């Protein structure tokens, strides 16, 4: 999947993957990570997710990475934030009020970018990637995170023959295959979310399960 795919989606405002409501699994399970207010959290492939607002309201510094400058511009504008922009290596960094979003390629991130991160929230990153990239993603994420950082991972699962991603279907078995080398994988909850995702029903889905996992460094 080329970067141009995502750039075109944002240019055309074809962003059915963007959710206006705060994710319920985030609200239910983020507190179980036990992260202190003031700690930094990382949101990969963050788009303009409103979930970042919720994390910020819990007292966290929010660090995101996003390929599309349109998404980042919209996040700051829609939330009435005036960012300072600077160049940080291969990234353009947008920063305001303890939000810091790096515009660029996730795979260009280095440990120095995330050295203060205590936790990760991934709702839209792993499921945005095709199978060929998911192993690379999981390995790179583990490599650049501090050893103590835990992950709250939210995935979607559906009959793959009914729809071509993204978002892609990722099973619990695949989550274990991808992450158990570095993390203890604890399933938290599975929810039927088909009724709430009209745009995916319109693409042909007859079943859709959202699963949450806690990944603790092994």
Protein backbone atom coordinates (compact mmCIF):
# COMPACT_ATOMS: atom_id res chain seq x y z
CA UNK A 1 0.00 0.00 0.00
CA UNK A 2 1.63 3.22 -1.17
CA UNK A 3 1.56 6.53 0.74
CA UNK A 4 -0.31 8.06 -2.21
CA UNK A 5 -3.34 5.93 -1.25
CA UNK A 6 -3.70 7.70 2.09
CA UNK A 7 -2.83 11.13 0.71
CA UNK A 8 -5.64 10.74 -1.84
CA UNK A 9 -8.12 9.62 0.82
CA UNK A 10 -7.49 12.77 2.83
CA UNK A 11 -7.46 15.00 -0.24
CA UNK A 12 -10.87 13.66 -1.26
CA UNK A 13 -12.12 13.73 2.34
CA UNK A 14 -12.84 10.02 1.94
CA UNK A 15 -12.30 9.32 5.63
CA UNK A 16 -15.02 6.91 6.69
CA UNK A 17 -12.41 5.46 9.06
CA UNK A 18 -12.48 8.68 11.13
CA UNK A 19 -14.69 8.36 14.23
CA UNK A 20 -16.40 11.37 15.79
CA UNK A 21 -17.06 9.56 19.09
CA UNK A 22 -14.43 8.56 21.61
CA UNK A 23 -13.76 4.83 21.36
CA UNK A 24 -15.58 3.02 24.17
CA UNK A 25 -12.82 0.43 24.61
CA UNK A 26 -10.31 3.25 25.11
CA UNK A 27 -12.46 4.73 27.89
CA UNK A 28 -13.02 1.34 29.52
CA UNK A 29 -9.54 -0.14 29.38
CA UNK A 30 -7.01 2.70 29.20
CA UNK A 31 -7.19 3.20 33.00
CA UNK A 32 -6.11 -0.43 33.49
CA UNK A 33 -2.65 0.47 32.16
CA UNK A 34 -2.15 2.54 35.30
CA UNK A 35 -0.22 5.34 33.64
CA UNK A 36 0.32 8.44 35.75
CA UNK A 37 -1.05 11.79 34.57
CA UNK A 38 1.69 13.75 32.86
CA UNK A 39 3.24 10.75 31.15
CA UNK A 40 3.63 10.74 27.38
CA UNK A 41 1.54 8.43 25.21
CA UNK A 42 1.99 7.53 21.56
CA UNK A 43 -0.79 7.27 18.96
CA UNK A 44 0.52 5.79 15.69
CA UNK A 45 -1.17 6.72 12.40
CA UNK A 46 -3.25 9.12 14.44
CA UNK A 47 -5.09 11.02 11.69
CA UNK A 48 -7.20 13.67 13.43
CA UNK A 49 -8.59 11.21 15.96
CA UNK A 50 -10.69 12.68 18.75
CA UNK A 51 -9.37 9.89 20.97
CA UNK A 52 -6.26 12.09 21.33
CA UNK A 53 -8.41 14.72 23.02
CA UNK A 54 -9.61 12.17 25.57
CA UNK A 55 -6.04 11.06 26.33
CA UNK A 56 -4.98 14.70 26.68
CA UNK A 57 -7.86 15.33 29.09
CA UNK A 58 -6.53 12.48 31.24
CA UNK A 59 -3.36 14.57 31.70
CA UNK A 60 -1.13 12.92 29.11
CA UNK A 61 1.24 14.49 26.65
CA UNK A 62 0.07 13.08 23.31
CA UNK A 63 2.62 12.18 20.63
CA UNK A 64 1.29 11.11 17.25
CA UNK A 65 2.68 10.22 13.86
CA UNK A 66 0.65 10.77 10.70
CA UNK A 67 1.47 10.57 7.01
CA UNK A 68 -1.07 13.17 5.87
CA UNK A 69 -0.38 16.86 6.56
CA UNK A 70 -4.07 17.51 5.81
CA UNK A 71 -5.13 15.33 8.75
CA UNK A 72 -2.69 17.07 11.07
CA UNK A 73 -3.70 20.54 9.92
CA UNK A 74 -7.37 19.66 10.43
CA UNK A 75 -6.75 18.28 13.93
CA UNK A 76 -5.19 21.50 15.17
CA UNK A 77 -7.66 23.75 13.34
CA UNK A 78 -10.79 21.87 14.44
CA UNK A 79 -9.66 21.94 18.04
CA UNK A 80 -8.69 25.63 17.94
CA UNK A 81 -5.02 24.93 18.59
CA UNK A 82 -2.26 27.12 17.15
CA UNK A 83 0.71 24.85 16.43
CA UNK A 84 4.38 25.66 16.21
CA UNK A 85 5.95 23.78 13.29
CA UNK A 86 9.58 22.73 13.16
CA UNK A 87 11.70 20.28 11.20
CA UNK A 88 12.77 17.21 13.15
CA UNK A 89 14.95 15.01 10.98
CA UNK A 90 12.69 13.40 8.36
CA UNK A 91 9.56 14.80 10.02
CA UNK A 92 7.70 18.06 10.26
CA UNK A 93 6.70 18.45 13.90
CA UNK A 94 3.46 20.22 14.84
CA UNK A 95 3.23 21.09 18.52
CA UNK A 96 0.76 22.91 20.77
CA UNK A 97 -0.40 22.50 24.37
CA UNK A 98 1.25 19.12 24.96
CA UNK A 99 0.16 17.71 21.62
CA UNK A 100 3.05 16.78 19.35
CA UNK A 101 2.35 15.23 15.94
CA UNK A 102 5.12 14.18 13.59
CA UNK A 103 4.15 14.39 9.92
CA UNK A 104 5.86 11.64 8.00
CA UNK A 105 6.43 7.90 7.67
CA UNK A 106 5.93 5.72 10.75
CA UNK A 107 8.79 3.51 9.60
CA UNK A 108 11.19 6.47 9.78
CA UNK A 109 10.60 6.83 13.55
CA UNK A 110 13.58 6.22 15.82
CA UNK A 111 13.88 5.50 19.53
CA UNK A 112 14.79 9.14 20.19
CA UNK A 113 11.35 10.26 19.00
CA UNK A 114 9.56 8.14 21.64
CA UNK A 115 12.06 8.01 24.49
CA UNK A 116 9.59 9.41 27.05
CA UNK A 117 6.57 7.31 26.00
CA UNK A 118 4.94 5.21 28.73
CA UNK A 119 1.99 3.83 26.77
CA UNK A 120 0.62 3.36 23.26
CA UNK A 121 -2.91 3.52 21.93
CA UNK A 122 -3.40 1.79 18.56
CA UNK A 123 -6.95 1.79 17.24
CA UNK A 124 -6.43 2.66 13.60
CA UNK A 125 -2.84 1.76 12.82
CA UNK A 126 -2.47 -2.03 12.65
CA UNK A 127 -5.84 -2.46 10.92
CA UNK A 128 -4.89 0.17 8.33
CA UNK A 129 -2.01 -1.97 7.08
CA UNK A 130 -2.18 -4.88 4.61
CA UNK A 131 -0.85 -8.27 5.71
CA UNK A 132 2.55 -7.75 4.08
CA UNK A 133 3.25 -4.70 6.27
CA UNK A 134 1.81 -5.80 9.59
CA UNK A 135 4.81 -7.91 10.69
CA UNK A 136 7.17 -5.07 9.81
CA UNK A 137 4.95 -2.66 11.73
CA UNK A 138 4.87 -4.81 14.88
CA UNK A 139 8.63 -5.34 14.86
CA UNK A 140 9.38 -1.67 14.28
CA UNK A 141 6.98 -0.58 17.01
CA UNK A 142 8.61 -2.91 19.53
CA UNK A 143 12.07 -1.71 18.46
CA UNK A 144 11.42 2.01 18.91
CA UNK A 145 9.38 1.94 22.14
CA UNK A 146 10.93 2.18 25.60
CA UNK A 147 11.12 -1.24 27.24
CA UNK A 148 8.44 -0.37 29.83
CA UNK A 149 5.76 0.90 27.42
CA UNK A 150 2.46 -0.98 27.34
CA UNK A 151 0.04 -0.98 24.42
CA UNK A 152 -3.75 -0.83 24.24
CA UNK A 153 -4.53 -2.35 20.86
CA UNK A 154 -7.98 -2.25 19.24
CA UNK A 155 -8.63 -4.36 16.14
CA UNK A 156 -11.48 -5.26 13.82
CA UNK A 157 -12.40 -8.75 12.65
CA UNK A 158 -14.82 -9.63 9.85
CA UNK A 159 -15.29 -12.21 7.07
CA UNK A 160 -12.48 -11.23 4.72
CA UNK A 161 -14.30 -12.49 1.64
CA UNK A 162 -16.96 -9.83 2.18
CA UNK A 163 -14.76 -6.76 1.93
CA UNK A 164 -11.34 -5.66 0.81
CA UNK A 165 -9.58 -3.46 3.37
CA UNK A 166 -8.70 -1.05 4.71
CA UNK A 167 -9.67 -1.36 7.43
CA UNK A 168 -8.30 -4.88 7.42
CA UNK A 169 -9.50 -7.82 9.47
CA UNK A 170 -6.95 -8.88 12.11
CA UNK A 171 -7.70 -11.96 14.20
CA UNK A 172 -6.59 -12.68 17.75
CA UNK A 173 -4.37 -15.44 16.37
CA UNK A 174 -2.58 -12.93 14.16
CA UNK A 175 -2.20 -10.45 17.02
CA UNK A 176 -0.47 -13.19 19.01
CA UNK A 177 1.71 -14.16 16.05
CA UNK A 178 2.76 -10.55 15.53
CA UNK A 179 3.40 -9.49 19.12
CA UNK A 180 4.04 -12.45 21.42
CA UNK A 181 7.76 -12.36 20.68
CA UNK A 182 7.93 -9.08 22.62
CA UNK A 183 4.71 -8.82 24.65
CA UNK A 184 2.29 -10.75 26.79
CA UNK A 185 -1.02 -10.53 24.93
CA UNK A 186 -4.14 -10.28 27.07
CA UNK A 187 -7.54 -10.18 25.31
CA UNK A 188 -9.82 -7.69 27.07
CA UNK A 189 -13.16 -7.56 25.27
CA UNK A 190 -14.89 -8.37 22.00
CA UNK A 191 -17.84 -6.25 20.85
CA UNK A 192 -20.26 -6.53 17.94
CA UNK A 193 -19.96 -3.11 16.27
CA UNK A 194 -21.63 -3.77 12.92
CA UNK A 195 -24.68 -1.64 13.73
CA UNK A 196 -22.52 1.41 14.49
CA UNK A 197 -20.50 1.18 11.27
CA UNK A 198 -22.98 1.95 8.52
CA UNK A 199 -20.27 2.71 5.96
CA UNK A 200 -18.85 -0.81 6.40
CA UNK A 201 -22.28 -2.45 6.17
CA UNK A 202 -22.73 -0.58 2.90
CA UNK A 203 -19.49 -2.18 1.68
CA UNK A 204 -21.02 -5.62 2.23
CA UNK A 205 -20.13 -6.66 5.76
CA UNK A 206 -22.55 -8.92 7.62
CA UNK A 207 -20.44 -9.26 10.78
CA UNK A 208 -17.94 -6.97 12.50
CA UNK A 209 -16.22 -7.51 15.83
CA UNK A 210 -14.04 -4.98 17.62
CA UNK A 211 -11.47 -6.55 19.94
CA UNK A 212 -9.29 -4.90 22.57
CA UNK A 213 -5.96 -6.27 23.79
CA UNK A 214 -3.47 -5.22 26.44
CA UNK A 215 0.12 -5.82 25.41
CA UNK A 216 2.58 -5.88 28.29
CA UNK A 217 6.35 -6.09 27.66
CA UNK A 218 7.49 -9.68 28.19
